[in-house]
Amino acid sequence: MRLNRILLSTALVVVALVVQVTVLARLHLPGAVPDPLLLVVVGLALVHGHTNGAVVGFAAGLLADLAPPADHATGRYALVLSVVGYLVGLVRPETGKLRSATVPMLVVVAAAVGSTLLYAGVGSLVGDTAARNVGLTSLVFTAALYDLLLAPFVVPLVMAMARRVQNDPLVADGPSTMGGSRAGRVSGQRTGMRMGMRRPGRLKGVKRL
């Protein structure tokens, strides 16, 4: 990952985590908690692809595992978000641009449902039965609903910022500019050589006059 991608991803993850822990988690909404951290991972994966999506997802999940008041095993959410980031990155088109705004919304719903089920599944393996006590169906439905309502305000902004960093002219156009300048110098040298070869003819013509 390039330095500008790392800085942007870090800033977005930290902001999303702070908002989730200090604001959204204290609203005491029924069912699940809105997850802007998941939306940030989805937005970055849709632009940067599955490899970066998995890396960002793992880092974001690990921060969420360590951030208070975390009450689950460390690495549990890191595993969930790394899988989500990888799978979402596979949906990214080769051009890096989505033709419809419907695709990100469908991806958000699938990511919310998948992450909730995977989180509950990993929890059952380590003996955490909180999802069963609350109701897995209620958690899945509210997670998808809350994230879908929050997605139009988060995912397009994250994707726009990620594309802007990816298409930074100082990074993307540097090699082509250098190549162009070299080509220009070579072309200029060739033109000068041709002009130099033609100059004797012109001088002879002037002398004839």
C-alpha atoms as a PDB file:
ATOM      1  CA  MET A   1       0.000   0.000   0.000  1.00  0.00           C
ATOM      2  CA  ARG A   2       1.228   3.479  -0.803  1.00  0.00           C
ATOM      3  CA  LEU A   3       1.823   6.004   1.942  1.00  0.00           C
ATOM      4  CA  ASN A   4      -1.104   8.210   0.916  1.00  0.00           C
ATOM      5  CA  ARG A   5      -3.456   5.211   0.993  1.00  0.00           C
ATOM      6  CA  ILE A   6      -2.203   4.210   4.424  1.00  0.00           C
ATOM      7  CA  LEU A   7      -2.683   7.702   5.827  1.00  0.00           C
ATOM      8  CA  LEU A   8      -6.184   8.032   4.398  1.00  0.00           C
ATOM      9  CA  SER A   9      -7.236   4.554   5.522  1.00  0.00           C
ATOM     10  CA  THR A  10      -5.889   5.162   9.018  1.00  0.00           C
ATOM     11  CA  ALA A  11      -7.674   8.488   9.357  1.00  0.00           C
ATOM     12  CA  LEU A  12     -10.988   7.089   8.127  1.00  0.00           C
ATOM     13  CA  VAL A  13     -10.785   4.029  10.375  1.00  0.00           C
ATOM     14  CA  VAL A  14      -9.950   6.081  13.468  1.00  0.00           C
ATOM     15  CA  VAL A  15     -12.757   8.567  12.839  1.00  0.00           C
ATOM     16  CA  ALA A  16     -15.286   5.788  12.197  1.00  0.00           C
ATOM     17  CA  LEU A  17     -14.227   3.921  15.332  1.00  0.00           C
ATOM     18  CA  VAL A  18     -14.464   7.028  17.503  1.00  0.00           C
ATOM     19  CA  VAL A  19     -17.935   7.842  16.177  1.00  0.00           C
ATOM     20  CA  GLN A  20     -19.081   4.271  16.645  1.00  0.00           C
ATOM     21  CA  VAL A  21     -17.814   3.949  20.233  1.00  0.00           C
ATOM     22  CA  THR A  22     -18.608   7.423  21.573  1.00  0.00           C
ATOM     23  CA  VAL A  23     -21.848   8.231  19.732  1.00  0.00           C
ATOM     24  CA  LEU A  24     -23.639   5.345  18.045  1.00  0.00           C
ATOM     25  CA  ALA A  25     -23.004   2.774  20.765  1.00  0.00           C
ATOM     26  CA  ARG A  26     -24.581   5.090  23.345  1.00  0.00           C
ATOM     27  CA  LEU A  27     -27.830   5.562  21.456  1.00  0.00           C
ATOM     28  CA  HIS A  28     -29.065   2.206  22.802  1.00  0.00           C
ATOM     29  CA  LEU A  29     -30.926   1.363  19.620  1.00  0.00           C
ATOM     30  CA  PRO A  30     -32.839  -1.922  19.555  1.00  0.00           C
ATOM     31  CA  GLY A  31     -30.869  -4.808  18.163  1.00  0.00           C
ATOM     32  CA  ALA A  32     -27.474  -4.187  16.612  1.00  0.00           C
ATOM     33  CA  VAL A  33     -25.307  -1.055  16.690  1.00  0.00           C
ATOM     34  CA  PRO A  34     -24.743   0.920  13.458  1.00  0.00           C
ATOM     35  CA  ASP A  35     -21.293   0.063  12.152  1.00  0.00           C
ATOM     36  CA  PRO A  36     -19.546   2.910  10.287  1.00  0.00           C
ATOM     37  CA  LEU A  37     -16.294   0.963  10.603  1.00  0.00           C
ATOM     38  CA  LEU A  38     -17.756  -1.732   8.366  1.00  0.00           C
ATOM     39  CA  LEU A  39     -18.885   0.909   5.869  1.00  0.00           C
ATOM     40  CA  VAL A  40     -15.386   2.400   5.715  1.00  0.00           C
ATOM     41  CA  VAL A  41     -13.901  -1.023   4.978  1.00  0.00           C
ATOM     42  CA  VAL A  42     -16.538  -1.600   2.276  1.00  0.00           C
ATOM     43  CA  GLY A  43     -15.863   1.769   0.628  1.00  0.00           C
ATOM     44  CA  LEU A  44     -12.087   1.308   0.598  1.00  0.00           C
ATOM     45  CA  ALA A  45     -12.344  -2.269  -0.672  1.00  0.00           C
ATOM     46  CA  LEU A  46     -14.602  -1.216  -3.550  1.00  0.00           C
ATOM     47  CA  VAL A  47     -11.923   1.208  -4.727  1.00  0.00           C
ATOM     48  CA  HIS A  48      -8.623  -0.442  -3.798  1.00  0.00           C
ATOM     49  CA  GLY A  49      -9.483  -4.112  -4.300  1.00  0.00           C
ATOM     50  CA  HIS A  50      -9.492  -7.304  -2.265  1.00  0.00           C
ATOM     51  CA  THR A  51      -5.892  -7.262  -1.003  1.00  0.00           C
ATOM     52  CA  ASN A  52      -6.054  -3.777   0.458  1.00  0.00           C
ATOM     53  CA  GLY A  53      -9.587  -4.479   1.628  1.00  0.00           C
ATOM     54  CA  ALA A  54      -8.418  -7.474   3.658  1.00  0.00           C
ATOM     55  CA  VAL A  55      -5.502  -5.546   5.156  1.00  0.00           C
ATOM     56  CA  VAL A  56      -7.609  -2.531   6.087  1.00  0.00           C
ATOM     57  CA  GLY A  57     -10.355  -4.793   7.403  1.00  0.00           C
ATOM     58  CA  PHE A  58      -7.950  -6.678   9.651  1.00  0.00           C
ATOM     59  CA  ALA A  59      -6.403  -3.465  11.025  1.00  0.00           C
ATOM     60  CA  ALA A  60      -9.801  -1.844  11.583  1.00  0.00           C
ATOM     61  CA  GLY A  61     -11.186  -4.955  13.272  1.00  0.00           C
ATOM     62  CA  LEU A  62      -8.157  -5.261  15.518  1.00  0.00           C
ATOM     63  CA  LEU A  63      -8.563  -1.653  16.660  1.00  0.00           C
ATOM     64  CA  ALA A  64     -12.221  -2.368  17.401  1.00  0.00           C
ATOM     65  CA  ASP A  65     -11.208  -5.471  19.370  1.00  0.00           C
ATOM     66  CA  LEU A  66      -8.823  -3.442  21.512  1.00  0.00           C
ATOM     67  CA  ALA A  67     -10.946  -0.310  21.911  1.00  0.00           C
ATOM     68  CA  PRO A  68     -12.941  -0.109  25.169  1.00  0.00           C
ATOM     69  CA  PRO A  69     -15.529  -1.221  26.087  1.00  0.00           C
ATOM     70  CA  ALA A  70     -14.722  -4.346  24.039  1.00  0.00           C
ATOM     71  CA  ASP A  71     -16.192  -7.445  25.692  1.00  0.00           C
ATOM     72  CA  HIS A  72     -15.137 -10.138  23.228  1.00  0.00           C
ATOM     73  CA  ALA A  73     -12.000 -12.074  22.358  1.00  0.00           C
ATOM     74  CA  THR A  74      -9.246 -10.070  20.679  1.00  0.00           C
ATOM     75  CA  GLY A  75      -9.014 -10.815  16.980  1.00  0.00           C
ATOM     76  CA  ARG A  76     -12.634 -11.839  16.580  1.00  0.00           C
ATOM     77  CA  TYR A  77     -13.793  -8.731  14.741  1.00  0.00           C
ATOM     78  CA  ALA A  78     -10.437  -8.476  12.963  1.00  0.00           C
ATOM     79  CA  LEU A  79     -11.139 -11.842  11.367  1.00  0.00           C
ATOM     80  CA  VAL A  80     -14.658 -10.779  10.403  1.00  0.00           C
ATOM     81  CA  LEU A  81     -13.653  -7.484   8.782  1.00  0.00           C
ATOM     82  CA  SER A  82     -10.666  -8.987   6.984  1.00  0.00           C
ATOM     83  CA  VAL A  83     -12.937 -11.570   5.360  1.00  0.00           C
ATOM     84  CA  VAL A  84     -15.516  -8.896   4.520  1.00  0.00           C
ATOM     85  CA  GLY A  85     -12.868  -6.592   3.050  1.00  0.00           C
ATOM     86  CA  TYR A  86     -11.476  -9.386   0.894  1.00  0.00           C
ATOM     87  CA  LEU A  87     -14.862 -10.513  -0.433  1.00  0.00           C
ATOM     88  CA  VAL A  88     -16.068  -6.953  -1.091  1.00  0.00           C
ATOM     89  CA  GLY A  89     -12.843  -6.202  -2.956  1.00  0.00           C
ATOM     90  CA  LEU A  90     -13.608  -9.040  -5.346  1.00  0.00           C
ATOM     91  CA  VAL A  91     -16.724  -7.126  -6.465  1.00  0.00           C
ATOM     92  CA  ARG A  92     -14.584  -4.176  -7.537  1.00  0.00           C
ATOM     93  CA  PRO A  93     -14.679  -3.767 -11.340  1.00  0.00           C
ATOM     94  CA  GLU A  94     -11.431  -3.692 -13.300  1.00  0.00           C
ATOM     95  CA  THR A  95     -11.902  -0.022 -14.126  1.00  0.00           C
ATOM     96  CA  GLY A  96     -12.386   0.826 -10.453  1.00  0.00           C
ATOM     97  CA  LYS A  97     -15.631   2.683 -11.182  1.00  0.00           C
ATOM     98  CA  LEU A  98     -19.137   1.414 -10.444  1.00  0.00           C
ATOM     99  CA  ARG A  99     -21.791   2.179 -13.026  1.00  0.00           C
ATOM    100  CA  SER A 100     -24.705   2.152 -10.583  1.00  0.00           C
ATOM    101  CA  ALA A 101     -25.242   3.375  -7.043  1.00  0.00           C
ATOM    102  CA  THR A 102     -27.344   0.292  -6.384  1.00  0.00           C
ATOM    103  CA  VAL A 103     -24.301  -1.985  -6.291  1.00  0.00           C
ATOM    104  CA  PRO A 104     -22.688  -0.374  -3.207  1.00  0.00           C
ATOM    105  CA  MET A 105     -25.996  -0.510  -1.339  1.00  0.00           C
ATOM    106  CA  LEU A 106     -26.417  -4.214  -2.126  1.00  0.00           C
ATOM    107  CA  VAL A 107     -22.835  -4.798  -1.076  1.00  0.00           C
ATOM    108  CA  VAL A 108     -23.499  -2.982   2.221  1.00  0.00           C
ATOM    109  CA  VAL A 109     -26.522  -5.176   2.970  1.00  0.00           C
ATOM    110  CA  ALA A 110     -24.597  -8.343   2.136  1.00  0.00           C
ATOM    111  CA  ALA A 111     -21.626  -7.178   4.225  1.00  0.00           C
ATOM    112  CA  ALA A 112     -23.840  -6.306   7.202  1.00  0.00           C
ATOM    113  CA  VAL A 113     -25.632  -9.649   7.105  1.00  0.00           C
ATOM    114  CA  GLY A 114     -22.457 -11.634   6.464  1.00  0.00           C
ATOM    115  CA  SER A 115     -20.429  -9.885   9.151  1.00  0.00           C
ATOM    116  CA  THR A 116     -23.173 -10.400  11.735  1.00  0.00           C
ATOM    117  CA  LEU A 117     -23.508 -14.090  10.938  1.00  0.00           C
ATOM    118  CA  LEU A 118     -19.744 -14.605  10.860  1.00  0.00           C
ATOM    119  CA  TYR A 119     -19.294 -12.705  14.122  1.00  0.00           C
ATOM    120  CA  ALA A 120     -21.970 -14.836  15.788  1.00  0.00           C
ATOM    121  CA  GLY A 121     -20.482 -17.998  14.315  1.00  0.00           C
ATOM    122  CA  VAL A 122     -16.998 -17.230  15.602  1.00  0.00           C
ATOM    123  CA  GLY A 123     -18.541 -16.322  18.962  1.00  0.00           C
ATOM    124  CA  SER A 124     -20.262 -19.700  19.204  1.00  0.00           C
ATOM    125  CA  LEU A 125     -16.911 -21.397  18.638  1.00  0.00           C
ATOM    126  CA  VAL A 126     -15.349 -19.552  21.597  1.00  0.00           C
ATOM    127  CA  GLY A 127     -18.364 -19.995  23.856  1.00  0.00           C
ATOM    128  CA  ASP A 128     -20.024 -16.582  23.414  1.00  0.00           C
ATOM    129  CA  THR A 129     -23.808 -17.082  23.334  1.00  0.00           C
ATOM    130  CA  ALA A 130     -24.814 -13.403  23.463  1.00  0.00           C
ATOM    131  CA  ALA A 131     -26.200 -13.517  19.919  1.00  0.00           C
ATOM    132  CA  ARG A 132     -28.504 -16.381  20.852  1.00  0.00           C
ATOM    133  CA  ASN A 133     -29.783 -14.518  23.926  1.00  0.00           C
ATOM    134  CA  VAL A 134     -30.560 -11.353  21.955  1.00  0.00           C
ATOM    135  CA  GLY A 135     -31.872 -13.156  18.907  1.00  0.00           C
ATOM    136  CA  LEU A 136     -29.788 -13.725  15.793  1.00  0.00           C
ATOM    137  CA  THR A 137     -32.623 -12.841  13.433  1.00  0.00           C
ATOM    138  CA  SER A 138     -33.162  -9.498  15.146  1.00  0.00           C
ATOM    139  CA  LEU A 139     -29.435  -8.742  15.055  1.00  0.00           C
ATOM    140  CA  VAL A 140     -29.148  -9.532  11.355  1.00  0.00           C
ATOM    141  CA  PHE A 141     -32.198  -7.460  10.424  1.00  0.00           C
ATOM    142  CA  THR A 142     -31.284  -4.401  12.500  1.00  0.00           C
ATOM    143  CA  ALA A 143     -27.629  -4.527  11.410  1.00  0.00           C
ATOM    144  CA  ALA A 144     -28.620  -4.535   7.741  1.00  0.00           C
ATOM    145  CA  LEU A 145     -31.211  -1.790   8.314  1.00  0.00           C
ATOM    146  CA  TYR A 146     -28.963   0.556  10.294  1.00  0.00           C
ATOM    147  CA  ASP A 147     -25.976   0.124   7.974  1.00  0.00           C
ATOM    148  CA  LEU A 148     -28.151   0.614   4.897  1.00  0.00           C
ATOM    149  CA  LEU A 149     -29.544   3.865   6.321  1.00  0.00           C
ATOM    150  CA  LEU A 150     -26.058   5.074   7.195  1.00  0.00           C
ATOM    151  CA  ALA A 151     -24.397   3.919   3.963  1.00  0.00           C
ATOM    152  CA  PRO A 152     -25.447   6.844   1.682  1.00  0.00           C
ATOM    153  CA  PHE A 153     -23.674   9.264   4.026  1.00  0.00           C
ATOM    154  CA  VAL A 154     -20.487   7.220   4.444  1.00  0.00           C
ATOM    155  CA  VAL A 155     -19.726   4.924   1.509  1.00  0.00           C
ATOM    156  CA  PRO A 156     -19.847   7.506  -1.342  1.00  0.00           C
ATOM    157  CA  LEU A 157     -17.669   9.906   0.660  1.00  0.00           C
ATOM    158  CA  VAL A 158     -15.124   7.199   1.458  1.00  0.00           C
ATOM    159  CA  MET A 159     -15.023   6.038  -2.154  1.00  0.00           C
ATOM    160  CA  ALA A 160     -14.604   9.588  -3.455  1.00  0.00           C
ATOM    161  CA  MET A 161     -11.702  10.256  -1.093  1.00  0.00           C
ATOM    162  CA  ALA A 162     -10.091   6.924  -1.954  1.00  0.00           C
ATOM    163  CA  ARG A 163     -10.353   7.611  -5.695  1.00  0.00           C
ATOM    164  CA  ARG A 164      -8.888  11.077  -5.227  1.00  0.00           C
ATOM    165  CA  VAL A 165      -5.878   9.625  -3.442  1.00  0.00           C
ATOM    166  CA  GLN A 166      -5.556   6.836  -6.012  1.00  0.00           C
ATOM    167  CA  ASN A 167      -5.657   9.304  -8.919  1.00  0.00           C
ATOM    168  CA  ASP A 168      -3.251  11.785  -7.332  1.00  0.00           C
ATOM    169  CA  PRO A 169      -1.364  13.354 -10.276  1.00  0.00           C
ATOM    170  CA  LEU A 170       1.804  13.618  -8.218  1.00  0.00           C
ATOM    171  CA  VAL A 171       1.792   9.840  -7.888  1.00  0.00           C
ATOM    172  CA  ALA A 172      -0.087   8.504 -10.892  1.00  0.00           C
ATOM    173  CA  ASP A 173       1.265  10.795 -13.584  1.00  0.00           C
ATOM    174  CA  GLY A 174       4.844  10.974 -12.405  1.00  0.00           C
ATOM    175  CA  PRO A 175       6.306   8.179 -14.558  1.00  0.00           C
ATOM    176  CA  SER A 176       4.348   9.132 -17.650  1.00  0.00           C
ATOM    177  CA  THR A 177       5.450  12.753 -17.291  1.00  0.00           C
ATOM    178  CA  MET A 178       9.058  11.701 -17.008  1.00  0.00           C
ATOM    179  CA  GLY A 179       8.638   9.404 -19.965  1.00  0.00           C
ATOM    180  CA  GLY A 180       7.056  12.210 -21.946  1.00  0.00           C
ATOM    181  CA  SER A 181       9.900  14.579 -21.173  1.00  0.00           C
ATOM    182  CA  ARG A 182      12.439  12.007 -22.302  1.00  0.00           C
ATOM    183  CA  ALA A 183      10.489  11.382 -25.472  1.00  0.00           C
ATOM    184  CA  GLY A 184      10.346  15.114 -26.027  1.00  0.00           C
ATOM    185  CA  ARG A 185      14.087  15.443 -25.588  1.00  0.00           C
ATOM    186  CA  VAL A 186      14.737  12.553 -27.971  1.00  0.00           C
ATOM    187  CA  SER A 187      12.304  14.017 -30.486  1.00  0.00           C
ATOM    188  CA  GLY A 188      13.974  17.395 -30.138  1.00  0.00           C
ATOM    189  CA  GLN A 189      17.375  15.875 -30.687  1.00  0.00           C
ATOM    190  CA  ARG A 190      16.156  14.094 -33.805  1.00  0.00           C
ATOM    191  CA  THR A 191      14.564  17.278 -35.096  1.00  0.00           C
ATOM    192  CA  GLY A 192      17.794  19.172 -34.446  1.00  0.00           C
ATOM    193  CA  MET A 193      19.793  16.573 -36.296  1.00  0.00           C
ATOM    194  CA  ARG A 194      17.428  16.784 -39.256  1.00  0.00           C
ATOM    195  CA  MET A 195      17.581  20.556 -39.247  1.00  0.00           C
ATOM    196  CA  GLY A 196      21.363  20.360 -39.018  1.00  0.00           C
ATOM    197  CA  MET A 197      21.459  18.066 -42.001  1.00  0.00           C
ATOM    198  CA  ARG A 198      19.259  20.457 -43.982  1.00  0.00           C
ATOM    199  CA  ARG A 199      21.120  23.614 -43.039  1.00  0.00           C
ATOM    200  CA  PRO A 200      23.981  23.124 -45.557  1.00  0.00           C
ATOM    201  CA  GLY A 201      21.445  22.947 -48.395  1.00  0.00           C
ATOM    202  CA  ARG A 202      19.826  26.172 -47.253  1.00  0.00           C
ATOM    203  CA  LEU A 203      23.194  27.894 -46.974  1.00  0.00           C
ATOM    204  CA  LYS A 204      24.136  26.750 -50.446  1.00  0.00           C
ATOM    205  CA  GLY A 205      20.859  28.101 -51.706  1.00  0.00           C
ATOM    206  CA  VAL A 206      21.523  31.426 -50.084  1.00  0.00           C
ATOM    207  CA  LYS A 207      24.983  31.505 -51.636  1.00  0.00           C
ATOM    208  CA  ARG A 208      23.501  30.814 -55.058  1.00  0.00           C
ATOM    209  CA  LEU A 209      21.363  33.900 -54.628  1.00  0.00           C
END
